[in-house]
Structure formats: C-alpha cells, structure tokens
Amino acid sequence: MTKLQIRAFLYQLGCFAILFLLIRFIAANYTSLTGLWIPMTAFIVATLIGPQFKALKTKDGEKLFMKWIFIKEVKEIG
C-alpha cells in the first residue's frame, strides 16, 4: 500500500466513525429504536452517506480523490 492509499483508508475510517457515533446518538435519543437496531441503523446510514476516498494513479502521479453523495463532482484532496 502506498502512502496515499493509507491516507485514503484513514480518512474513510475517520469519517465513518464520526458519522456512526453521531447517528447512533441521534437514533438512541430521538427514535423509539431499541437493542441491536440502534447500531445497525447507524451502520447502514453512515455507510450510505459517508464520503468515499480513493488514491488513484494519474499521468501527473498518484492523487487522492473524494466523492460524496452531497457533492456532484469528484474533488481532488491535497
């Protein structure tokens, strides 16, 4: 794995963790879900709305890109 692939993985993991914890808190406090449904709902929602990070090789070298459902275009990071 290259340095940018590791960075993409860590960004992806960090965003997922933040979204998962936020959605889990909201689901636990503001819905009537109980038991296993709270983390399962948080997992599914965080997976669907979390941004995707990829390290791709281009003609200019390896670059880090991000795609998110709330942004139309693919953005180059750094």
PDB file of N, CA and C in Angstrom:
ATOM      1  N   MET A   1       0.846  -1.189   0.000  1.00  0.00           N
ATOM      2  CA  MET A   1       0.000   0.000   0.000  1.00  0.00           C
ATOM      3  C   MET A   1       0.885   1.244   0.000  1.00  0.00           C
ATOM      4  N   THR A   2       0.459   2.203  -0.766  1.00  0.00           N
ATOM      5  CA  THR A   2       1.215   3.447  -0.814  1.00  0.00           C
ATOM      6  C   THR A   2       0.752   4.385   0.299  1.00  0.00           C
ATOM      7  N   LYS A   3       1.487   5.452   0.441  1.00  0.00           N
ATOM      8  CA  LYS A   3       1.185   6.436   1.482  1.00  0.00           C
ATOM      9  C   LYS A   3      -0.209   7.058   1.280  1.00  0.00           C
ATOM     10  N   LEU A   4      -0.553   7.356   0.029  1.00  0.00           N
ATOM     11  CA  LEU A   4      -1.870   7.949  -0.239  1.00  0.00           C
ATOM     12  C   LEU A   4      -3.007   6.947  -0.049  1.00  0.00           C
ATOM     13  N   GLN A   5      -2.775   5.677  -0.321  1.00  0.00           N
ATOM     14  CA  GLN A   5      -3.798   4.669  -0.081  1.00  0.00           C
ATOM     15  C   GLN A   5      -4.072   4.525   1.414  1.00  0.00           C
ATOM     16  N   ILE A   6      -3.030   4.596   2.210  1.00  0.00           N
ATOM     17  CA  ILE A   6      -3.192   4.541   3.666  1.00  0.00           C
ATOM     18  C   ILE A   6      -3.935   5.777   4.158  1.00  0.00           C
ATOM     19  N   ARG A   7      -3.595   6.937   3.609  1.00  0.00           N
ATOM     20  CA  ARG A   7      -4.274   8.178   3.993  1.00  0.00           C
ATOM     21  C   ARG A   7      -5.760   8.111   3.614  1.00  0.00           C
ATOM     22  N   ALA A   8      -6.069   7.575   2.424  1.00  0.00           N
ATOM     23  CA  ALA A   8      -7.461   7.433   1.997  1.00  0.00           C
ATOM     24  C   ALA A   8      -8.217   6.501   2.939  1.00  0.00           C
ATOM     25  N   PHE A   9      -7.582   5.408   3.335  1.00  0.00           N
ATOM     26  CA  PHE A   9      -8.211   4.474   4.272  1.00  0.00           C
ATOM     27  C   PHE A   9      -8.483   5.136   5.615  1.00  0.00           C
ATOM     28  N   LEU A  10      -7.525   5.901   6.122  1.00  0.00           N
ATOM     29  CA  LEU A  10      -7.704   6.565   7.413  1.00  0.00           C
ATOM     30  C   LEU A  10      -8.773   7.645   7.353  1.00  0.00           C
ATOM     31  N   TYR A  11      -8.832   8.397   6.246  1.00  0.00           N
ATOM     32  CA  TYR A  11      -9.892   9.395   6.077  1.00  0.00           C
ATOM     33  C   TYR A  11     -11.258   8.709   6.045  1.00  0.00           C
ATOM     34  N   GLN A  12     -11.348   7.616   5.297  1.00  0.00           N
ATOM     35  CA  GLN A  12     -12.603   6.872   5.190  1.00  0.00           C
ATOM     36  C   GLN A  12     -13.030   6.350   6.560  1.00  0.00           C
ATOM     37  N   LEU A  13     -12.091   5.785   7.290  1.00  0.00           N
ATOM     38  CA  LEU A  13     -12.383   5.249   8.618  1.00  0.00           C
ATOM     39  C   LEU A  13     -12.810   6.348   9.586  1.00  0.00           C
ATOM     40  N   GLY A  14     -12.109   7.470   9.563  1.00  0.00           N
ATOM     41  CA  GLY A  14     -12.437   8.579  10.445  1.00  0.00           C
ATOM     42  C   GLY A  14     -13.809   9.155  10.169  1.00  0.00           C
ATOM     43  N   CYS A  15     -14.125   9.358   8.905  1.00  0.00           N
ATOM     44  CA  CYS A  15     -15.448   9.884   8.548  1.00  0.00           C
ATOM     45  C   CYS A  15     -16.549   8.910   8.942  1.00  0.00           C
ATOM     46  N   PHE A  16     -16.317   7.618   8.696  1.00  0.00           N
ATOM     47  CA  PHE A  16     -17.317   6.628   9.073  1.00  0.00           C
ATOM     48  C   PHE A  16     -17.524   6.626  10.587  1.00  0.00           C
ATOM     49  N   ALA A  17     -16.439   6.679  11.350  1.00  0.00           N
ATOM     50  CA  ALA A  17     -16.547   6.638  12.812  1.00  0.00           C
ATOM     51  C   ALA A  17     -17.316   7.843  13.343  1.00  0.00           C
ATOM     52  N   ILE A  18     -17.021   9.014  12.821  1.00  0.00           N
ATOM     53  CA  ILE A  18     -17.713  10.220  13.269  1.00  0.00           C
ATOM     54  C   ILE A  18     -19.204  10.144  12.939  1.00  0.00           C
ATOM     55  N   LEU A  19     -19.511   9.755  11.704  1.00  0.00           N
ATOM     56  CA  LEU A  19     -20.918   9.639  11.310  1.00  0.00           C
ATOM     57  C   LEU A  19     -21.634   8.553  12.099  1.00  0.00           C
ATOM     58  N   PHE A  20     -20.970   7.414  12.312  1.00  0.00           N
ATOM     59  CA  PHE A  20     -21.582   6.318  13.056  1.00  0.00           C
ATOM     60  C   PHE A  20     -21.938   6.751  14.475  1.00  0.00           C
ATOM     61  N   LEU A  21     -21.004   7.390  15.162  1.00  0.00           N
ATOM     62  CA  LEU A  21     -21.261   7.820  16.535  1.00  0.00           C
ATOM     63  C   LEU A  21     -22.361   8.879  16.599  1.00  0.00           C
ATOM     64  N   LEU A  22     -22.347   9.809  15.667  1.00  0.00           N
ATOM     65  CA  LEU A  22     -23.365  10.855  15.637  1.00  0.00           C
ATOM     66  C   LEU A  22     -24.749  10.264  15.376  1.00  0.00           C
ATOM     67  N   ILE A  23     -24.851   9.389  14.391  1.00  0.00           N
ATOM     68  CA  ILE A  23     -26.143   8.791  14.055  1.00  0.00           C
ATOM     69  C   ILE A  23     -26.607   7.852  15.164  1.00  0.00           C
ATOM     70  N   ARG A  24     -25.680   7.150  15.793  1.00  0.00           N
ATOM     71  CA  ARG A  24     -26.044   6.253  16.897  1.00  0.00           C
ATOM     72  C   ARG A  24     -26.627   7.058  18.059  1.00  0.00           C
ATOM     73  N   PHE A  25     -26.013   8.191  18.372  1.00  0.00           N
ATOM     74  CA  PHE A  25     -26.516   9.061  19.439  1.00  0.00           C
ATOM     75  C   PHE A  25     -27.917   9.578  19.095  1.00  0.00           C
ATOM     76  N   ILE A  26     -28.083  10.043  17.856  1.00  0.00           N
ATOM     77  CA  ILE A  26     -29.389  10.562  17.438  1.00  0.00           C
ATOM     78  C   ILE A  26     -30.447   9.463  17.462  1.00  0.00           C
ATOM     79  N   ALA A  27     -30.096   8.268  16.961  1.00  0.00           N
ATOM     80  CA  ALA A  27     -31.063   7.166  16.930  1.00  0.00           C
ATOM     81  C   ALA A  27     -31.438   6.715  18.337  1.00  0.00           C
ATOM     82  N   ALA A  28     -30.476   6.719  19.246  1.00  0.00           N
ATOM     83  CA  ALA A  28     -30.760   6.273  20.613  1.00  0.00           C
ATOM     84  C   ALA A  28     -31.624   7.270  21.378  1.00  0.00           C
ATOM     85  N   ASN A  29     -31.392   8.549  21.137  1.00  0.00           N
ATOM     86  CA  ASN A  29     -32.095   9.557  21.926  1.00  0.00           C
ATOM     87  C   ASN A  29     -33.390  10.065  21.300  1.00  0.00           C
ATOM     88  N   TYR A  30     -33.512  10.031  19.984  1.00  0.00           N
ATOM     89  CA  TYR A  30     -34.650  10.670  19.343  1.00  0.00           C
ATOM     90  C   TYR A  30     -35.556   9.719  18.568  1.00  0.00           C
ATOM     91  N   THR A  31     -35.307   8.425  18.621  1.00  0.00           N
ATOM     92  CA  THR A  31     -36.202   7.461  17.982  1.00  0.00           C
ATOM     93  C   THR A  31     -36.618   6.425  19.019  1.00  0.00           C
ATOM     94  N   SER A  32     -37.543   5.591  18.626  1.00  0.00           N
ATOM     95  CA  SER A  32     -38.002   4.546  19.541  1.00  0.00           C
ATOM     96  C   SER A  32     -37.294   3.213  19.280  1.00  0.00           C
ATOM     97  N   LEU A  33     -36.155   3.252  18.597  1.00  0.00           N
ATOM     98  CA  LEU A  33     -35.400   2.024  18.341  1.00  0.00           C
ATOM     99  C   LEU A  33     -34.766   1.513  19.631  1.00  0.00           C
ATOM    100  N   THR A  34     -34.670   0.197  19.757  1.00  0.00           N
ATOM    101  CA  THR A  34     -34.052  -0.407  20.942  1.00  0.00           C
ATOM    102  C   THR A  34     -33.136  -1.535  20.517  1.00  0.00           C
ATOM    103  N   GLY A  35     -32.256  -1.909  21.420  1.00  0.00           N
ATOM    104  CA  GLY A  35     -31.395  -3.074  21.227  1.00  0.00           C
ATOM    105  C   GLY A  35     -30.450  -2.961  20.053  1.00  0.00           C
ATOM    106  N   LEU A  36     -30.388  -4.013  19.270  1.00  0.00           N
ATOM    107  CA  LEU A  36     -29.453  -4.112  18.151  1.00  0.00           C
ATOM    108  C   LEU A  36     -29.818  -3.183  16.995  1.00  0.00           C
ATOM    109  N   TRP A  37     -31.051  -2.704  16.959  1.00  0.00           N
ATOM    110  CA  TRP A  37     -31.480  -1.848  15.861  1.00  0.00           C
ATOM    111  C   TRP A  37     -30.763  -0.505  15.852  1.00  0.00           C
ATOM    112  N   ILE A  38     -30.349  -0.013  16.991  1.00  0.00           N
ATOM    113  CA  ILE A  38     -29.677   1.296  17.054  1.00  0.00           C
ATOM    114  C   ILE A  38     -28.333   1.250  16.324  1.00  0.00           C
ATOM    115  N   PRO A  39     -27.403   0.357  16.680  1.00  0.00           N
ATOM    116  CA  PRO A  39     -26.132   0.343  15.949  1.00  0.00           C
ATOM    117  C   PRO A  39     -26.279  -0.137  14.502  1.00  0.00           C
ATOM    118  N   MET A  40     -27.246  -1.003  14.239  1.00  0.00           N
ATOM    119  CA  MET A  40     -27.444  -1.473  12.864  1.00  0.00           C
ATOM    120  C   MET A  40     -27.910  -0.320  11.972  1.00  0.00           C
ATOM    121  N   THR A  41     -28.829   0.480  12.473  1.00  0.00           N
ATOM    122  CA  THR A  41     -29.296   1.642  11.723  1.00  0.00           C
ATOM    123  C   THR A  41     -28.163   2.636  11.521  1.00  0.00           C
ATOM    124  N   ALA A  42     -27.388   2.885  12.553  1.00  0.00           N
ATOM    125  CA  ALA A  42     -26.265   3.814  12.450  1.00  0.00           C
ATOM    126  C   ALA A  42     -25.231   3.319  11.438  1.00  0.00           C
ATOM    127  N   PHE A  43     -24.973   2.019  11.431  1.00  0.00           N
ATOM    128  CA  PHE A  43     -24.014   1.447  10.489  1.00  0.00           C
ATOM    129  C   PHE A  43     -24.480   1.631   9.046  1.00  0.00           C
ATOM    130  N   ILE A  44     -25.733   1.318   8.781  1.00  0.00           N
ATOM    131  CA  ILE A  44     -26.249   1.408   7.414  1.00  0.00           C
ATOM    132  C   ILE A  44     -26.274   2.854   6.931  1.00  0.00           C
ATOM    133  N   VAL A  45     -26.762   3.754   7.758  1.00  0.00           N
ATOM    134  CA  VAL A  45     -26.841   5.161   7.356  1.00  0.00           C
ATOM    135  C   VAL A  45     -25.444   5.757   7.178  1.00  0.00           C
ATOM    136  N   ALA A  46     -24.528   5.476   8.087  1.00  0.00           N
ATOM    137  CA  ALA A  46     -23.168   6.008   7.966  1.00  0.00           C
ATOM    138  C   ALA A  46     -22.469   5.455   6.731  1.00  0.00           C
ATOM    139  N   THR A  47     -22.728   4.209   6.388  1.00  0.00           N
ATOM    140  CA  THR A  47     -22.138   3.626   5.187  1.00  0.00           C
ATOM    141  C   THR A  47     -22.687   4.296   3.935  1.00  0.00           C
ATOM    142  N   LEU A  48     -23.980   4.588   3.925  1.00  0.00           N
ATOM    143  CA  LEU A  48     -24.591   5.179   2.744  1.00  0.00           C
ATOM    144  C   LEU A  48     -24.229   6.651   2.542  1.00  0.00           C
ATOM    145  N   ILE A  49     -24.155   7.423   3.628  1.00  0.00           N
ATOM    146  CA  ILE A  49     -23.918   8.865   3.451  1.00  0.00           C
ATOM    147  C   ILE A  49     -22.464   9.274   3.652  1.00  0.00           C
ATOM    148  N   GLY A  50     -21.598   8.358   4.012  1.00  0.00           N
ATOM    149  CA  GLY A  50     -20.193   8.697   4.219  1.00  0.00           C
ATOM    150  C   GLY A  50     -19.468   8.957   2.910  1.00  0.00           C
ATOM    151  N   PRO A  51     -18.511   9.874   2.908  1.00  0.00           N
ATOM    152  CA  PRO A  51     -17.741  10.136   1.685  1.00  0.00           C
ATOM    153  C   PRO A  51     -16.799   8.972   1.363  1.00  0.00           C
ATOM    154  N   GLN A  52     -16.492   8.836   0.068  1.00  0.00           N
ATOM    155  CA  GLN A  52     -15.586   7.788  -0.389  1.00  0.00           C
ATOM    156  C   GLN A  52     -14.264   8.431  -0.786  1.00  0.00           C
ATOM    157  N   PHE A  53     -13.173   7.893  -0.293  1.00  0.00           N
ATOM    158  CA  PHE A  53     -11.841   8.392  -0.607  1.00  0.00           C
ATOM    159  C   PHE A  53     -11.096   7.334  -1.404  1.00  0.00           C
ATOM    160  N   LYS A  54     -10.406   7.763  -2.473  1.00  0.00           N
ATOM    161  CA  LYS A  54      -9.642   6.849  -3.320  1.00  0.00           C
ATOM    162  C   LYS A  54      -8.316   7.488  -3.689  1.00  0.00           C
ATOM    163  N   ALA A  55      -7.263   6.675  -3.712  1.00  0.00           N
ATOM    164  CA  ALA A  55      -5.959   7.102  -4.216  1.00  0.00           C
ATOM    165  C   ALA A  55      -5.800   6.485  -5.602  1.00  0.00           C
ATOM    166  N   LEU A  56      -5.723   7.339  -6.613  1.00  0.00           N
ATOM    167  CA  LEU A  56      -5.646   6.872  -7.992  1.00  0.00           C
ATOM    168  C   LEU A  56      -4.379   7.376  -8.661  1.00  0.00           C
ATOM    169  N   LYS A  57      -3.856   6.545  -9.555  1.00  0.00           N
ATOM    170  CA  LYS A  57      -2.682   6.947 -10.325  1.00  0.00           C
ATOM    171  C   LYS A  57      -3.149   7.696 -11.567  1.00  0.00           C
ATOM    172  N   THR A  58      -2.618   8.891 -11.735  1.00  0.00           N
ATOM    173  CA  THR A  58      -2.913   9.702 -12.912  1.00  0.00           C
ATOM    174  C   THR A  58      -1.616   9.931 -13.663  1.00  0.00           C
ATOM    175  N   LYS A  59      -1.703  10.643 -14.787  1.00  0.00           N
ATOM    176  CA  LYS A  59      -0.485  10.922 -15.540  1.00  0.00           C
ATOM    177  C   LYS A  59       0.446  11.882 -14.803  1.00  0.00           C
ATOM    178  N   ASP A  60      -0.099  12.615 -13.821  1.00  0.00           N
ATOM    179  CA  ASP A  60       0.710  13.525 -13.005  1.00  0.00           C
ATOM    180  C   ASP A  60       1.232  12.862 -11.738  1.00  0.00           C
ATOM    181  N   GLY A  61       0.958  11.584 -11.547  1.00  0.00           N
ATOM    182  CA  GLY A  61       1.357  10.873 -10.334  1.00  0.00           C
ATOM    183  C   GLY A  61       0.126  10.428  -9.569  1.00  0.00           C
ATOM    184  N   GLU A  62       0.334   9.907  -8.381  1.00  0.00           N
ATOM    185  CA  GLU A  62      -0.780   9.424  -7.573  1.00  0.00           C
ATOM    186  C   GLU A  62      -1.445  10.592  -6.846  1.00  0.00           C
ATOM    187  N   LYS A  63      -2.779  10.613  -6.884  1.00  0.00           N
ATOM    188  CA  LYS A  63      -3.535  11.687  -6.253  1.00  0.00           C
ATOM    189  C   LYS A  63      -4.671  11.100  -5.432  1.00  0.00           C
ATOM    190  N   LEU A  64      -5.131  11.886  -4.463  1.00  0.00           N
ATOM    191  CA  LEU A  64      -6.214  11.477  -3.571  1.00  0.00           C
ATOM    192  C   LEU A  64      -7.496  12.196  -3.984  1.00  0.00           C
ATOM    193  N   PHE A  65      -8.578  11.424  -4.160  1.00  0.00           N
ATOM    194  CA  PHE A  65      -9.850  11.973  -4.582  1.00  0.00           C
ATOM    195  C   PHE A  65     -10.942  11.604  -3.584  1.00  0.00           C
ATOM    196  N   MET A  66     -11.996  12.456  -3.548  1.00  0.00           N
ATOM    197  CA  MET A  66     -13.129  12.220  -2.666  1.00  0.00           C
ATOM    198  C   MET A  66     -14.424  12.356  -3.466  1.00  0.00           C
ATOM    199  N   LYS A  67     -15.350  11.435  -3.228  1.00  0.00           N
ATOM    200  CA  LYS A  67     -16.678  11.508  -3.824  1.00  0.00           C
ATOM    201  C   LYS A  67     -17.693  11.389  -2.692  1.00  0.00           C
ATOM    202  N   TRP A  68     -18.720  12.248  -2.757  1.00  0.00           N
ATOM    203  CA  TRP A  68     -19.726  12.261  -1.708  1.00  0.00           C
ATOM    204  C   TRP A  68     -21.082  12.471  -2.353  1.00  0.00           C
ATOM    205  N   ILE A  69     -22.131  11.887  -1.814  1.00  0.00           N
ATOM    206  CA  ILE A  69     -23.448  11.998  -2.445  1.00  0.00           C
ATOM    207  C   ILE A  69     -24.010  13.411  -2.372  1.00  0.00           C
ATOM    208  N   PHE A  70     -23.494  14.245  -1.495  1.00  0.00           N
ATOM    209  CA  PHE A  70     -23.993  15.610  -1.362  1.00  0.00           C
ATOM    210  C   PHE A  70     -23.243  16.595  -2.263  1.00  0.00           C
ATOM    211  N   ILE A  71     -22.197  16.127  -2.937  1.00  0.00           N
ATOM    212  CA  ILE A  71     -21.413  16.952  -3.852  1.00  0.00           C
ATOM    213  C   ILE A  71     -21.439  16.265  -5.215  1.00  0.00           C
ATOM    214  N   LYS A  72     -21.748  17.010  -6.261  1.00  0.00           N
ATOM    215  CA  LYS A  72     -21.881  16.410  -7.591  1.00  0.00           C
ATOM    216  C   LYS A  72     -20.562  15.870  -8.136  1.00  0.00           C
ATOM    217  N   GLU A  73     -19.544  16.687  -8.105  1.00  0.00           N
ATOM    218  CA  GLU A  73     -18.294  16.307  -8.764  1.00  0.00           C
ATOM    219  C   GLU A  73     -17.339  15.600  -7.810  1.00  0.00           C
ATOM    220  N   VAL A  74     -16.360  14.953  -8.402  1.00  0.00           N
ATOM    221  CA  VAL A  74     -15.298  14.309  -7.629  1.00  0.00           C
ATOM    222  C   VAL A  74     -14.271  15.391  -7.312  1.00  0.00           C
ATOM    223  N   LYS A  75     -13.865  15.478  -6.051  1.00  0.00           N
ATOM    224  CA  LYS A  75     -12.924  16.524  -5.647  1.00  0.00           C
ATOM    225  C   LYS A  75     -11.545  15.928  -5.401  1.00  0.00           C
ATOM    226  N   GLU A  76     -10.535  16.671  -5.797  1.00  0.00           N
ATOM    227  CA  GLU A  76      -9.163  16.261  -5.526  1.00  0.00           C
ATOM    228  C   GLU A  76      -8.769  16.820  -4.158  1.00  0.00           C
ATOM    229  N   ILE A  77      -8.227  15.956  -3.323  1.00  0.00           N
ATOM    230  CA  ILE A  77      -7.803  16.351  -1.977  1.00  0.00           C
ATOM    231  C   ILE A  77      -6.290  16.529  -1.992  1.00  0.00           C
ATOM    232  N   GLY A  78      -5.820  17.648  -1.486  1.00  0.00           N
ATOM    233  CA  GLY A  78      -4.388  17.896  -1.363  1.00  0.00           C
ATOM    234  C   GLY A  78      -3.690  17.888  -2.649  1.00  0.00           C
TER     235      GLY A  78
END
